[in-house]
Amino acid sequence: MTYKKWFEYIKHDIIHCPEMHKHDYEELRKCCITPDGAIDLKIMDLHSQYVDLGENGGIQCDVISGHCSCGACH
């Protein structure tokens, strides 16, 4: 699978099935690994935008537990 197809597939899944993307820190990292093994930060950002996990200090959270984009460790 090409990067572009992979990215569009994951993006579509996050937007249309956000309940399936409520991850802890390790699950989030696994979800964001590209076909060539790198972590895709754009996919991490999509989790913050479309998966409602609340916010902390005005910053949208991206995990249910573990190190979070808000700067806390939930």
Protein backbone atom coordinates (compact mmCIF):
# COMPACT_ATOMS: atom_id res chain seq x y z
CA MET A 1 0.00 0.00 0.00
CA THR A 2 1.36 3.42 -0.90
CA TYR A 3 1.74 6.13 1.73
CA LYS A 4 -0.98 8.24 0.10
CA LYS A 5 -3.53 5.38 0.10
CA TRP A 6 -2.60 4.46 3.67
CA PHE A 7 -2.95 8.08 4.82
CA GLU A 8 -6.36 8.51 3.17
CA TYR A 9 -7.58 5.20 4.63
CA ILE A 10 -6.54 6.10 8.20
CA LYS A 11 -7.83 9.69 7.84
CA HIS A 12 -11.22 8.42 6.63
CA ASP A 13 -11.38 5.94 9.50
CA ILE A 14 -10.55 8.59 12.13
CA ILE A 15 -13.16 11.01 10.76
CA HIS A 16 -15.95 8.49 10.29
CA CYS A 17 -15.23 6.09 13.19
CA PRO A 18 -13.68 8.26 15.93
CA GLU A 19 -14.88 5.89 18.67
CA MET A 20 -12.46 3.29 17.26
CA HIS A 21 -9.55 5.72 17.76
CA LYS A 22 -9.72 6.34 21.50
CA HIS A 23 -6.21 5.06 22.17
CA ASP A 24 -3.77 4.98 25.02
CA TYR A 25 -0.27 6.25 24.19
CA GLU A 26 1.06 2.93 22.85
CA GLU A 27 -2.05 2.29 20.72
CA LEU A 28 -1.82 5.81 19.27
CA ARG A 29 1.80 5.23 18.25
CA LYS A 30 0.85 1.94 16.58
CA CYS A 31 -2.04 3.58 14.73
CA CYS A 32 0.28 6.28 13.37
CA ILE A 33 3.01 4.02 11.97
CA THR A 34 3.31 4.42 8.20
CA PRO A 35 3.80 1.46 5.83
CA ASP A 36 7.56 2.16 5.88
CA GLY A 37 7.74 2.18 9.71
CA ALA A 38 7.86 5.89 10.54
CA ILE A 39 5.47 7.67 12.91
CA ASP A 40 3.21 10.06 10.98
CA LEU A 41 2.63 13.24 12.99
CA LYS A 42 -0.20 14.34 10.66
CA ILE A 43 -2.16 11.25 11.67
CA MET A 44 -1.45 12.04 15.35
CA ASP A 45 -2.83 15.54 14.78
CA LEU A 46 -5.98 14.11 13.16
CA HIS A 47 -6.64 12.16 16.36
CA SER A 48 -6.60 15.44 18.32
CA GLN A 49 -8.92 17.10 15.81
CA TYR A 50 -11.57 14.40 15.35
CA VAL A 51 -11.50 12.14 18.41
CA ASP A 52 -13.17 13.90 21.34
CA LEU A 53 -11.06 13.09 24.38
CA GLY A 54 -11.50 16.47 26.06
CA GLU A 55 -8.90 19.12 26.60
CA ASN A 56 -6.43 20.21 29.22
CA GLY A 57 -5.25 23.80 29.50
CA GLY A 58 -6.98 24.69 26.22
CA ILE A 59 -5.12 21.98 24.27
CA GLN A 60 -7.03 19.07 22.75
CA CYS A 61 -6.02 15.69 24.17
CA ASP A 62 -5.07 12.80 21.88
CA VAL A 63 -4.86 9.80 24.27
CA ILE A 64 -6.99 8.27 27.03
CA SER A 65 -3.92 7.36 29.09
CA GLY A 66 -0.20 7.95 28.87
CA HIS A 67 1.77 10.89 27.46
CA CYS A 68 -0.57 13.34 25.77
CA SER A 69 -0.28 16.25 23.34
CA CYS A 70 -1.66 18.53 26.09
CA GLY A 71 1.60 18.06 28.00
CA ALA A 72 0.14 15.88 30.76
CA CYS A 73 0.48 12.18 31.42
CA HIS A 74 -3.06 10.86 31.92
